[in-house]
């Protein structure tokens, strides 16, 4: 019985039963802009169906359960035999199965594949981010495998399959397969050249036996893994890429001893493991000593996914904040109509739209794959990964605050977004790694800088604040004094100018004007909600609304 003193009023209805894709103008417009017109209707239908699934109560329940019941490691069976299996809640498998069936591991074999897959990844990651790890690793493994045509012919059809089967069986007996990755070790972290895992050649050409460890092994229940090891007796200076299957061709388990699962800040649904190799069978991928060169395509793909994943978190955080402010009343009216709250929401929406627009531009560049677009990606992916993943935690925290105390309660979903928000800035190379990579490209690959500047030049003359920021960036790039210490400053400016140039070209005037005024023109504070009051803030917030008012 409800006590007479307990009357529930002015509580916000859950954001459920809506189309996550169709209610995101920044995303739908980017897809329409970059897709082949003849395929747009097909792509829109595909993404709309996924968007409806992402906004359903069922998908939200899966996400909650997958994170409430974390993966459990079983190292041995009841008789003492090593099994090295990780058990997941059924909802994890439902999320992962839906992602695979939606084509989120199938970008490489279909027209506009990267664009439609990136948009789908951004939509479905808003449901739950943890299962995106094996999705991303599987998608990104393809460029590395293509350095060996025989391996690519064997594995690529499995990785692009729409069928998900979680069983650990011989890969040839499954309709599809997933990949994980194991690059880093205790002593080196991002400095993979410090790896000490050794690879001893076996009698069969291209096969090796690995001895060593991996400190972070992503998605340990995957069917195969790309790992780095030293293919030399000394265990150094010959870093090579290898494919390690969990199950061998004869049906026996490969040696893959999972020591423990990481107890992480967020990303609780996903398992990240420490793994030991002791006589582990592996197949070489690419040439000996060319490990970094072999995986560079994989790294580029996963870095773009980090930006997409952060863009997804930001969009979901902003959608929740705007939805809350639409239905919550305080001080005489809806929060969304209060000038100060409107300023905060508009500021957050700018950050989200800039991230989405930039990430989809890069996905389209993967589809175009011309020489100019390859040079553009080489620089722009690292720049975007650095900046978008850095902005995500700030957006998540401010959006959580928009919900007040309710946002700090687990049931709101905002704490899970907040815990997830720093992850993508750490994975696939932290901020310093990205910034130093940008410096290397600037110093060694002038074509990449030319392509980047060419992209900026498409917006030249459209906004005086953008023009001034481009001029300041060129001045910064011309001065190489103490350049390493200034790397983050340079990359930040590159990212903001790139985002500004895209918004000036493609976004509504209210959005581009506010972005240029605040991010490029200097009329902004140090926290969200400090946009100039004269801007059309109401239009920006309305554009970010996840459902009609």
Protein backbone atom coordinates (compact mmCIF):
# COMPACT_ATOMS: atom_id res chain seq x y z
CA UNK A 1 0.00 0.00 0.00
CA UNK A 2 1.28 3.48 -0.89
CA UNK A 3 1.45 5.80 2.13
CA UNK A 4 -0.79 8.89 1.77
CA UNK A 5 2.28 11.08 2.11
CA UNK A 6 3.99 9.44 -0.85
CA UNK A 7 2.83 11.09 -4.08
CA UNK A 8 5.16 10.92 -7.09
CA UNK A 9 5.09 14.07 -9.20
CA UNK A 10 7.52 15.97 -11.41
CA UNK A 11 9.62 12.88 -12.13
CA UNK A 12 10.94 12.48 -15.67
CA UNK A 13 9.66 9.53 -17.74
CA UNK A 14 12.39 7.18 -18.97
CA UNK A 15 13.89 7.89 -22.37
CA UNK A 16 12.69 4.68 -23.98
CA UNK A 17 10.80 3.54 -27.06
CA UNK A 18 12.39 6.02 -29.46
CA UNK A 19 14.57 5.78 -32.57
CA UNK A 20 18.14 6.60 -31.54
CA UNK A 21 19.20 7.11 -35.15
CA UNK A 22 16.37 9.15 -36.68
CA UNK A 23 16.21 11.57 -33.73
CA UNK A 24 19.88 12.55 -34.12
CA UNK A 25 20.04 15.19 -36.89
CA UNK A 26 23.83 15.50 -36.74
CA UNK A 27 24.16 11.79 -37.48
CA UNK A 28 21.41 11.44 -40.06
CA UNK A 29 22.65 14.48 -41.97
CA UNK A 30 26.22 13.15 -41.97
CA UNK A 31 25.06 9.83 -43.39
CA UNK A 32 22.99 11.55 -46.08
CA UNK A 33 25.92 13.81 -46.93
CA UNK A 34 28.49 11.07 -47.40
CA UNK A 35 26.46 8.09 -48.66
CA UNK A 36 25.97 7.27 -52.30
CA UNK A 37 22.52 8.72 -53.17
CA UNK A 38 21.50 5.47 -54.80
CA UNK A 39 22.10 3.56 -51.56
CA UNK A 40 20.82 6.13 -49.08
CA UNK A 41 17.32 4.67 -48.74
CA UNK A 42 18.73 1.22 -48.01
CA UNK A 43 21.22 2.59 -45.48
CA UNK A 44 18.57 4.72 -43.80
CA UNK A 45 16.24 1.75 -43.39
CA UNK A 46 19.06 -0.35 -41.97
CA UNK A 47 20.10 2.32 -39.45
CA UNK A 48 16.51 3.18 -38.53
CA UNK A 49 15.82 -0.43 -37.59
CA UNK A 50 18.97 -0.46 -35.48
CA UNK A 51 18.02 2.88 -33.95
CA UNK A 52 14.63 1.55 -32.87
CA UNK A 53 16.25 -1.47 -31.31
CA UNK A 54 18.75 0.77 -29.50
CA UNK A 55 15.96 2.86 -28.03
CA UNK A 56 13.88 -0.10 -26.87
CA UNK A 57 13.23 -1.13 -23.29
CA UNK A 58 14.55 -4.60 -24.12
CA UNK A 59 17.98 -3.31 -25.19
CA UNK A 60 18.21 -1.10 -22.11
CA UNK A 61 17.48 -4.11 -19.92
CA UNK A 62 20.22 -6.10 -21.67
CA UNK A 63 22.67 -3.27 -20.98
CA UNK A 64 21.76 -3.09 -17.31
CA UNK A 65 22.06 -6.84 -16.81
CA UNK A 66 25.35 -7.15 -18.71
CA UNK A 67 26.90 -4.57 -16.39
CA UNK A 68 25.26 -5.74 -13.17
CA UNK A 69 26.52 -9.31 -13.63
CA UNK A 70 30.18 -8.94 -14.57
CA UNK A 71 32.15 -11.63 -16.44
CA UNK A 72 33.47 -14.51 -14.32
CA UNK A 73 36.74 -16.34 -15.01
CA UNK A 74 36.86 -20.14 -14.78
CA UNK A 75 40.48 -21.26 -15.01
CA UNK A 76 39.83 -24.98 -14.32
CA UNK A 77 37.00 -27.47 -14.54
CA UNK A 78 35.83 -29.58 -11.59
CA UNK A 79 38.54 -32.18 -12.28
CA UNK A 80 41.43 -29.73 -12.27
CA UNK A 81 41.84 -29.38 -16.04
CA UNK A 82 42.58 -25.92 -17.35
CA UNK A 83 39.69 -24.52 -19.37
CA UNK A 84 40.43 -20.76 -19.27
CA UNK A 85 36.90 -19.66 -20.01
CA UNK A 86 35.09 -16.45 -19.20
CA UNK A 87 31.37 -16.69 -18.48
CA UNK A 88 29.15 -13.77 -19.45
CA UNK A 89 25.55 -12.99 -18.60
CA UNK A 90 23.14 -13.97 -21.41
CA UNK A 91 22.40 -10.29 -22.01
CA UNK A 92 26.03 -9.75 -23.05
CA UNK A 93 25.58 -12.36 -25.75
CA UNK A 94 22.31 -10.77 -26.86
CA UNK A 95 23.98 -7.37 -27.22
CA UNK A 96 26.94 -8.82 -29.07
CA UNK A 97 24.77 -10.99 -31.27
CA UNK A 98 22.63 -8.00 -32.25
CA UNK A 99 25.74 -5.97 -33.11
CA UNK A 100 27.10 -8.73 -35.33
CA UNK A 101 23.77 -9.32 -37.05
CA UNK A 102 23.53 -5.58 -37.76
CA UNK A 103 26.80 -5.71 -39.69
CA UNK A 104 28.97 -3.86 -37.19
CA UNK A 105 31.92 -6.13 -38.03
CA UNK A 106 31.27 -5.92 -41.78
CA UNK A 107 32.70 -2.70 -43.18
CA UNK A 108 35.27 -3.91 -45.66
CA UNK A 109 33.24 -5.84 -48.21
CA UNK A 110 30.25 -3.64 -49.03
CA UNK A 111 29.73 -0.21 -50.63
CA UNK A 112 29.71 2.67 -48.14
CA UNK A 113 30.69 -0.02 -45.66
CA UNK A 114 32.72 2.15 -43.31
CA UNK A 115 30.14 4.94 -43.23
CA UNK A 116 27.16 2.71 -42.52
CA UNK A 117 29.12 0.62 -40.04
CA UNK A 118 30.41 3.75 -38.22
CA UNK A 119 26.91 5.18 -37.96
CA UNK A 120 25.62 1.85 -36.69
CA UNK A 121 28.44 1.56 -34.18
CA UNK A 122 27.65 5.06 -32.90
CA UNK A 123 23.96 4.18 -32.55
CA UNK A 124 24.31 0.76 -30.92
CA UNK A 125 27.14 1.83 -28.58
CA UNK A 126 24.67 4.20 -26.94
CA UNK A 127 22.91 1.13 -25.54
CA UNK A 128 26.02 -0.33 -23.91
CA UNK A 129 29.67 0.34 -24.63
CA UNK A 130 31.49 -2.70 -23.23
CA UNK A 131 30.51 -5.20 -25.91
CA UNK A 132 31.80 -2.75 -28.50
CA UNK A 133 35.33 -3.94 -27.68
CA UNK A 134 35.16 -7.32 -29.50
CA UNK A 135 33.07 -5.68 -32.23
CA UNK A 136 35.80 -3.11 -32.78
CA UNK A 137 38.68 -5.60 -32.60
CA UNK A 138 36.98 -7.91 -35.10
CA UNK A 139 36.33 -5.07 -37.53
CA UNK A 140 39.86 -3.69 -37.18
CA UNK A 141 41.67 -7.02 -37.64
CA UNK A 142 40.94 -7.12 -41.38
CA UNK A 143 43.69 -4.72 -42.60
CA UNK A 144 46.35 -6.66 -40.68
CA UNK A 145 45.15 -10.00 -42.03
CA UNK A 146 45.22 -8.63 -45.57
CA UNK A 147 49.02 -8.46 -45.40
CA UNK A 148 48.79 -12.25 -45.82
CA UNK A 149 46.31 -13.11 -48.64
CA UNK A 150 46.04 -16.72 -47.51
CA UNK A 151 45.09 -15.75 -43.96
CA UNK A 152 42.71 -13.08 -45.23
CA UNK A 153 40.94 -15.58 -47.48
CA UNK A 154 40.50 -17.93 -44.54
CA UNK A 155 39.44 -15.47 -41.84
CA UNK A 156 37.91 -12.39 -43.44
CA UNK A 157 34.59 -14.04 -44.39
CA UNK A 158 34.22 -15.25 -40.81
CA UNK A 159 34.91 -11.82 -39.33
CA UNK A 160 32.39 -10.13 -41.61
CA UNK A 161 29.71 -12.74 -40.97
CA UNK A 162 26.30 -11.72 -39.60
CA UNK A 163 26.18 -14.85 -37.41
CA UNK A 164 27.35 -14.87 -33.78
CA UNK A 165 28.32 -18.12 -32.07
CA UNK A 166 29.96 -17.84 -28.61
CA UNK A 167 31.20 -21.45 -28.51
CA UNK A 168 34.92 -22.19 -28.36
CA UNK A 169 35.19 -24.63 -31.23
CA UNK A 170 37.31 -24.99 -34.37
CA UNK A 171 36.81 -21.74 -36.33
CA UNK A 172 35.96 -23.67 -39.49
CA UNK A 173 32.99 -25.22 -37.70
CA UNK A 174 31.44 -21.82 -36.88
CA UNK A 175 29.39 -19.53 -39.12
CA UNK A 176 31.31 -16.50 -37.88
CA UNK A 177 34.23 -15.52 -35.68
CA UNK A 178 35.39 -12.70 -33.42
CA UNK A 179 38.89 -11.35 -32.85
CA UNK A 180 40.66 -9.91 -29.85
CA UNK A 181 44.03 -8.30 -29.47
CA UNK A 182 47.04 -8.63 -27.18
CA UNK A 183 49.78 -6.06 -27.73
CA UNK A 184 50.95 -4.62 -24.42
CA UNK A 185 53.06 -6.19 -21.67
CA UNK A 186 53.83 -5.35 -18.05
CA UNK A 187 57.16 -3.68 -18.69
CA UNK A 188 56.29 -1.64 -21.76
CA UNK A 189 52.66 -0.64 -22.02
CA UNK A 190 52.26 1.48 -25.16
CA UNK A 191 55.97 1.03 -25.89
CA UNK A 192 55.38 -2.28 -27.66
CA UNK A 193 58.95 -2.43 -28.93
CA UNK A 194 59.88 -3.25 -25.33
CA UNK A 195 57.87 -6.49 -25.56
CA UNK A 196 59.72 -9.62 -24.43
CA UNK A 197 57.32 -12.38 -25.54
CA UNK A 198 59.37 -14.70 -27.77
CA UNK A 199 58.37 -16.55 -30.93
CA UNK A 200 60.27 -19.71 -31.82
CA UNK A 201 59.85 -21.00 -35.41
CA UNK A 202 58.30 -24.43 -35.87
CA UNK A 203 58.83 -26.88 -38.71
CA UNK A 204 55.84 -25.70 -40.74
CA UNK A 205 56.60 -22.48 -42.59
CA UNK A 206 55.03 -19.43 -40.96
CA UNK A 207 54.17 -21.16 -37.68
CA UNK A 208 55.72 -20.40 -34.29
CA UNK A 209 55.58 -21.25 -30.62
CA UNK A 210 55.09 -18.30 -28.26
CA UNK A 211 56.44 -17.92 -24.74
CA UNK A 212 55.56 -14.85 -22.71
CA UNK A 213 52.58 -12.83 -21.54
CA UNK A 214 50.14 -10.06 -22.33
CA UNK A 215 49.16 -7.56 -19.65
CA UNK A 216 45.95 -6.44 -21.37
CA UNK A 217 44.24 -8.94 -23.65
CA UNK A 218 40.98 -7.69 -25.05
CA UNK A 219 37.93 -9.95 -25.37
CA UNK A 220 39.60 -13.21 -24.20
CA UNK A 221 36.74 -15.46 -25.38
CA UNK A 222 37.30 -14.48 -29.00
CA UNK A 223 38.18 -17.06 -31.65
CA UNK A 224 41.51 -15.50 -32.59
CA UNK A 225 43.92 -12.81 -31.44
CA UNK A 226 46.49 -10.59 -33.06
CA UNK A 227 49.53 -10.36 -30.81
CA UNK A 228 53.04 -8.95 -31.01
CA UNK A 229 56.14 -10.98 -30.13
CA UNK A 230 59.88 -10.93 -30.79
CA UNK A 231 60.77 -13.44 -33.51
CA UNK A 232 64.39 -13.80 -32.48
CA UNK A 233 66.36 -16.00 -30.05
CA UNK A 234 67.36 -12.95 -28.02
CA UNK A 235 63.74 -11.90 -27.57
CA UNK A 236 64.23 -8.36 -28.84
CA UNK A 237 64.57 -6.15 -31.91
CA UNK A 238 62.46 -8.31 -34.23
CA UNK A 239 58.88 -7.42 -33.34
CA UNK A 240 56.44 -9.45 -35.42
CA UNK A 241 52.67 -9.83 -35.62
CA UNK A 242 51.06 -13.23 -35.01
CA UNK A 243 47.60 -14.78 -35.12
CA UNK A 244 46.82 -16.89 -32.06
CA UNK A 245 43.67 -19.05 -32.32
CA UNK A 246 41.90 -20.16 -29.14
CA UNK A 247 41.09 -23.55 -30.70
CA UNK A 248 43.46 -25.38 -33.03
CA UNK A 249 42.53 -27.05 -36.31
CA UNK A 250 42.35 -30.49 -34.65
CA UNK A 251 39.79 -29.22 -32.13
CA UNK A 252 42.16 -29.02 -29.12
CA UNK A 253 42.53 -25.85 -27.07
CA UNK A 254 45.57 -23.72 -27.72
CA UNK A 255 47.70 -22.78 -24.68
CA UNK A 256 46.05 -19.56 -23.53
CA UNK A 257 46.30 -19.35 -19.75
CA UNK A 258 44.10 -16.54 -18.41
CA UNK A 259 45.63 -15.43 -15.12
CA UNK A 260 42.93 -13.02 -14.02
CA UNK A 261 40.42 -10.45 -15.25
CA UNK A 262 41.07 -6.77 -14.71
CA UNK A 263 38.93 -5.03 -12.10
CA UNK A 264 38.28 -1.88 -14.11
CA UNK A 265 36.79 1.52 -13.31
CA UNK A 266 34.09 1.05 -15.95
CA UNK A 267 33.52 -1.15 -18.98
CA UNK A 268 32.29 -3.73 -16.48
CA UNK A 269 30.42 -5.90 -18.94
CA UNK A 270 33.57 -6.57 -20.96
CA UNK A 271 36.41 -8.86 -19.89
CA UNK A 272 40.01 -7.65 -20.11
CA UNK A 273 42.51 -10.31 -19.16
CA UNK A 274 46.11 -11.05 -18.28
CA UNK A 275 47.26 -14.00 -20.39
CA UNK A 276 50.31 -16.29 -20.31
CA UNK A 277 51.75 -18.05 -23.36
CA UNK A 278 53.80 -21.22 -22.84
CA UNK A 279 54.18 -23.24 -26.01
CA UNK A 280 51.28 -21.39 -27.63
CA UNK A 281 50.82 -22.09 -31.35
CA UNK A 282 50.77 -19.01 -33.59
CA UNK A 283 50.77 -18.12 -37.27
CA UNK A 284 52.90 -15.23 -38.50
CA UNK A 285 51.02 -12.29 -40.01
CA UNK A 286 53.14 -10.22 -42.38
CA UNK A 287 56.92 -10.24 -42.48
CA UNK A 288 59.23 -10.92 -39.55
CA UNK A 289 60.35 -7.71 -37.90
CA UNK A 290 57.45 -5.75 -39.41
CA UNK A 291 55.01 -6.13 -36.55
CA UNK A 292 54.22 -2.45 -36.10
CA UNK A 293 53.87 -1.89 -39.85
CA UNK A 294 51.55 -4.90 -40.06
CA UNK A 295 49.17 -3.68 -37.38
CA UNK A 296 49.17 0.02 -38.35
CA UNK A 297 45.93 -0.40 -40.32
CA UNK A 298 44.34 -2.12 -37.35
CA UNK A 299 45.46 0.68 -35.04
CA UNK A 300 43.94 3.32 -37.32
CA UNK A 301 40.62 1.47 -37.36
CA UNK A 302 40.49 1.03 -33.58
CA UNK A 303 41.47 4.66 -32.99
CA UNK A 304 38.59 5.80 -35.16
CA UNK A 305 36.34 3.48 -33.15
CA UNK A 306 37.56 5.16 -29.97
CA UNK A 307 36.38 8.48 -31.38
CA UNK A 308 33.08 6.92 -32.48
CA UNK A 309 32.62 5.30 -29.07
CA UNK A 310 33.21 8.59 -27.29
CA UNK A 311 30.88 10.37 -29.70
CA UNK A 312 28.23 7.76 -28.84
CA UNK A 313 28.68 8.31 -25.11
CA UNK A 314 28.47 12.07 -25.55
CA UNK A 315 25.34 11.85 -27.68
CA UNK A 316 23.62 9.58 -25.16
CA UNK A 317 24.67 11.81 -22.25
CA UNK A 318 23.37 14.93 -24.00
CA UNK A 319 20.16 13.18 -25.04
CA UNK A 320 19.51 12.18 -21.44
CA UNK A 321 20.24 15.69 -20.17
CA UNK A 322 17.97 17.39 -22.72
CA UNK A 323 15.23 14.82 -22.10
CA UNK A 324 15.43 15.41 -18.36
CA UNK A 325 15.31 19.18 -18.74
CA UNK A 326 12.30 18.89 -21.06
CA UNK A 327 10.14 17.11 -18.48
CA UNK A 328 11.52 18.38 -15.18
CA UNK A 329 10.08 21.59 -13.77
CA UNK A 330 11.76 23.86 -11.23
CA UNK A 331 11.45 27.47 -10.15
CA UNK A 332 8.21 28.00 -12.01
CA UNK A 333 8.67 26.19 -15.28
CA UNK A 334 10.45 23.49 -17.32
CA UNK A 335 14.21 23.43 -16.83
CA UNK A 336 14.78 23.54 -20.57
CA UNK A 337 13.25 27.03 -20.73
CA UNK A 338 15.59 28.45 -18.08
CA UNK A 339 18.27 30.60 -19.77
CA UNK A 340 21.18 29.21 -17.77
CA UNK A 341 20.20 25.56 -18.25
CA UNK A 342 19.64 26.26 -21.94
CA UNK A 343 23.20 27.60 -22.15
CA UNK A 344 24.60 24.47 -20.52
CA UNK A 345 22.62 22.14 -22.77
CA UNK A 346 23.54 24.04 -25.93
CA UNK A 347 27.21 23.98 -24.98
CA UNK A 348 27.07 20.22 -24.44
CA UNK A 349 25.19 19.74 -27.71
CA UNK A 350 27.91 21.63 -29.61
CA UNK A 351 30.55 19.25 -28.30
CA UNK A 352 28.48 16.22 -29.22
CA UNK A 353 27.64 17.40 -32.74
CA UNK A 354 31.26 18.34 -33.47
CA UNK A 355 32.40 14.86 -32.42
CA UNK A 356 29.76 13.08 -34.52
CA UNK A 357 30.36 15.21 -37.61
CA UNK A 358 34.12 14.71 -37.49
CA UNK A 359 33.99 10.96 -36.85
CA UNK A 360 31.58 10.38 -39.75
CA UNK A 361 33.77 12.46 -42.05
CA UNK A 362 36.66 10.14 -41.23
CA UNK A 363 34.54 7.04 -41.82
CA UNK A 364 33.62 8.40 -45.24
CA UNK A 365 37.31 8.93 -45.94
CA UNK A 366 37.86 5.21 -45.31
CA UNK A 367 35.30 4.41 -48.01
CA UNK A 368 36.73 6.86 -50.54
CA UNK A 369 40.26 5.48 -50.05
CA UNK A 370 41.90 7.82 -52.55
CA UNK A 371 45.51 8.88 -52.04
CA UNK A 372 44.37 12.24 -50.71
CA UNK A 373 41.90 10.66 -48.29
CA UNK A 374 44.52 8.19 -47.06
CA UNK A 375 46.88 11.07 -46.29
CA UNK A 376 44.06 12.99 -44.64
CA UNK A 377 43.15 10.02 -42.44
CA UNK A 378 46.74 9.45 -41.42
CA UNK A 379 46.77 12.77 -39.59
CA UNK A 380 43.11 13.42 -38.85
CA UNK A 381 42.39 10.09 -37.11
CA UNK A 382 45.08 10.65 -34.47
CA UNK A 383 44.04 14.30 -34.04
CA UNK A 384 40.37 13.34 -33.65
CA UNK A 385 41.04 10.38 -31.38
CA UNK A 386 43.06 12.64 -29.09
CA UNK A 387 40.52 15.43 -28.83
CA UNK A 388 37.14 13.71 -28.91
CA UNK A 389 38.09 11.12 -26.29
CA UNK A 390 39.48 13.91 -24.07
CA UNK A 391 36.23 15.85 -24.24
CA UNK A 392 34.05 12.88 -23.37
CA UNK A 393 34.59 12.82 -19.57
CA UNK A 394 33.83 16.53 -19.26
CA UNK A 395 30.62 16.15 -21.27
CA UNK A 396 29.55 13.09 -19.27
CA UNK A 397 30.12 14.83 -15.94
CA UNK A 398 28.23 17.98 -16.92
CA UNK A 399 25.35 16.02 -18.42
CA UNK A 400 25.10 13.95 -15.24
CA UNK A 401 24.89 17.17 -13.23
CA UNK A 402 21.96 18.31 -15.37
CA UNK A 403 19.95 15.49 -13.80
CA UNK A 404 20.91 16.64 -10.30
CA UNK A 405 20.94 13.97 -7.60
CA UNK A 406 18.98 11.63 -9.85
CA UNK A 407 21.90 11.59 -12.25
CA UNK A 408 24.22 10.36 -9.50
CA UNK A 409 21.99 7.32 -8.89
CA UNK A 410 22.90 4.13 -10.72
CA UNK A 411 19.37 3.55 -12.05
CA UNK A 412 19.61 6.67 -14.20
CA UNK A 413 22.34 5.11 -16.35
CA UNK A 414 24.45 8.26 -16.08
CA UNK A 415 27.04 6.76 -13.67
CA UNK A 416 27.74 4.00 -16.18
CA UNK A 417 28.29 6.59 -18.92
CA UNK A 418 30.55 8.57 -16.60
CA UNK A 419 32.66 5.53 -15.65
CA UNK A 420 33.01 4.61 -19.31
CA UNK A 421 33.92 8.13 -20.44
CA UNK A 422 37.73 8.10 -19.76
CA UNK A 423 38.30 4.72 -21.38
CA UNK A 424 38.75 5.63 -25.03
CA UNK A 425 41.40 8.21 -24.22
CA UNK A 426 43.47 5.41 -22.63
CA UNK A 427 42.89 2.55 -25.07
CA UNK A 428 44.70 2.39 -28.41
CA UNK A 429 47.26 4.95 -27.33
CA UNK A 430 46.81 7.56 -24.60
CA UNK A 431 46.81 11.30 -25.19
CA UNK A 432 50.58 11.66 -25.26
CA UNK A 433 50.92 8.73 -27.67
CA UNK A 434 48.42 10.34 -30.05
CA UNK A 435 50.09 13.73 -29.82
CA UNK A 436 53.53 12.30 -30.50
CA UNK A 437 52.15 10.31 -33.43
CA UNK A 438 50.81 13.54 -34.90
CA UNK A 439 54.25 15.13 -34.55
CA UNK A 440 55.86 12.19 -36.36
CA UNK A 441 53.41 12.52 -39.22
CA UNK A 442 53.97 16.28 -39.44
CA UNK A 443 57.73 15.76 -39.61
CA UNK A 444 57.85 12.74 -41.92
CA UNK A 445 54.75 12.83 -44.11
CA UNK A 446 54.25 16.27 -45.68
CA UNK A 447 51.47 14.90 -47.91
CA UNK A 448 49.39 14.24 -44.80
CA UNK A 449 49.66 17.85 -43.66
CA UNK A 450 48.84 19.07 -47.17
CA UNK A 451 45.71 16.91 -47.23
CA UNK A 452 44.69 18.12 -43.75
CA UNK A 453 45.16 21.76 -44.70
CA UNK A 454 43.31 21.13 -47.94
CA UNK A 455 40.32 19.94 -45.91
CA UNK A 456 40.43 23.11 -43.82
CA UNK A 457 40.72 25.20 -46.94
CA UNK A 458 37.29 24.04 -48.14
CA UNK A 459 35.76 26.29 -45.46
CA UNK A 460 38.10 29.25 -45.84
CA UNK A 461 36.30 32.59 -46.06
CA UNK A 462 33.07 31.29 -44.53
CA UNK A 463 33.74 32.56 -41.00
CA UNK A 464 36.33 35.13 -39.92
CA UNK A 465 36.94 33.36 -36.60
CA UNK A 466 37.73 30.13 -38.40
CA UNK A 467 40.03 31.96 -40.79
CA UNK A 468 41.86 33.50 -37.84
CA UNK A 469 42.20 30.13 -36.12
CA UNK A 470 43.64 28.57 -39.30
CA UNK A 471 46.16 31.40 -39.52
CA UNK A 472 47.17 30.91 -35.88
CA UNK A 473 47.54 27.16 -36.47
CA UNK A 474 49.85 27.74 -39.44
CA UNK A 475 51.98 30.03 -37.27
CA UNK A 476 52.12 27.33 -34.59
CA UNK A 477 53.14 24.67 -37.12
CA UNK A 478 55.87 26.90 -38.58
CA UNK A 479 57.63 27.12 -35.19
CA UNK A 480 59.28 23.81 -34.30
CA UNK A 481 61.06 25.10 -31.20
CA UNK A 482 60.34 22.83 -28.21
CA UNK A 483 57.76 21.11 -30.38
CA UNK A 484 57.39 17.98 -28.22
CA UNK A 485 56.45 20.00 -25.16
CA UNK A 486 53.86 21.82 -27.29
CA UNK A 487 52.44 18.68 -28.90
CA UNK A 488 49.14 18.66 -27.05
CA UNK A 489 48.61 22.35 -27.72
CA UNK A 490 49.20 21.82 -31.43
CA UNK A 491 46.92 18.78 -31.68
CA UNK A 492 44.15 20.52 -29.75
CA UNK A 493 44.24 23.44 -32.15
CA UNK A 494 44.24 21.12 -35.14
CA UNK A 495 41.20 19.29 -33.78
CA UNK A 496 39.21 22.45 -33.07
CA UNK A 497 39.98 23.94 -36.45
CA UNK A 498 39.01 20.70 -38.19
CA UNK A 499 35.74 20.51 -36.28
CA UNK A 500 35.04 24.17 -36.95
CA UNK A 501 35.68 23.80 -40.67
CA UNK A 502 33.25 20.88 -40.91
CA UNK A 503 30.52 22.60 -38.91
CA UNK A 504 30.85 25.78 -40.96
CA UNK A 505 30.36 23.75 -44.12
CA UNK A 506 27.65 21.38 -42.96
CA UNK A 507 25.87 22.37 -39.73
CA UNK A 508 23.02 24.87 -39.29
CA UNK A 509 24.12 28.46 -38.79
CA UNK A 510 23.16 28.45 -35.10
CA UNK A 511 25.53 25.52 -34.45
CA UNK A 512 28.50 26.73 -36.51
CA UNK A 513 28.19 30.30 -35.21
CA UNK A 514 28.19 29.13 -31.59
CA UNK A 515 31.11 26.77 -32.16
CA UNK A 516 33.25 29.38 -33.88
CA UNK A 517 32.40 32.05 -31.31
CA UNK A 518 33.29 29.85 -28.35
CA UNK A 519 35.90 27.31 -29.48
CA UNK A 520 37.71 29.45 -32.07
CA UNK A 521 36.83 33.06 -31.24
CA UNK A 522 37.66 32.90 -27.55
CA UNK A 523 34.24 34.04 -26.30
CA UNK A 524 33.88 31.18 -23.86
CA UNK A 525 34.64 30.30 -20.25
CA UNK A 526 36.35 27.24 -18.81
CA UNK A 527 33.18 25.27 -18.04
CA UNK A 528 30.09 24.33 -20.03
CA UNK A 529 27.29 26.88 -19.95
CA UNK A 530 29.46 29.91 -20.72
CA UNK A 531 28.41 30.53 -24.34
CA UNK A 532 27.65 34.12 -25.38
CA UNK A 533 24.01 34.81 -24.46
CA UNK A 534 23.31 36.49 -27.81
CA UNK A 535 23.59 33.18 -29.72
CA UNK A 536 20.55 31.16 -30.83
CA UNK A 537 20.87 28.69 -27.98
CA UNK A 538 17.26 27.50 -28.15
CA UNK A 539 17.75 26.25 -31.73
CA UNK A 540 20.85 24.30 -30.72
CA UNK A 541 19.06 22.62 -27.82
CA UNK A 542 16.00 21.83 -29.92
CA UNK A 543 18.24 20.15 -32.50
CA UNK A 544 19.71 17.93 -29.77
CA UNK A 545 16.33 16.84 -28.38
CA UNK A 546 16.00 13.02 -28.65
CA UNK A 547 12.18 13.05 -28.98
CA UNK A 548 9.63 15.70 -29.93
CA UNK A 549 8.46 17.92 -27.10
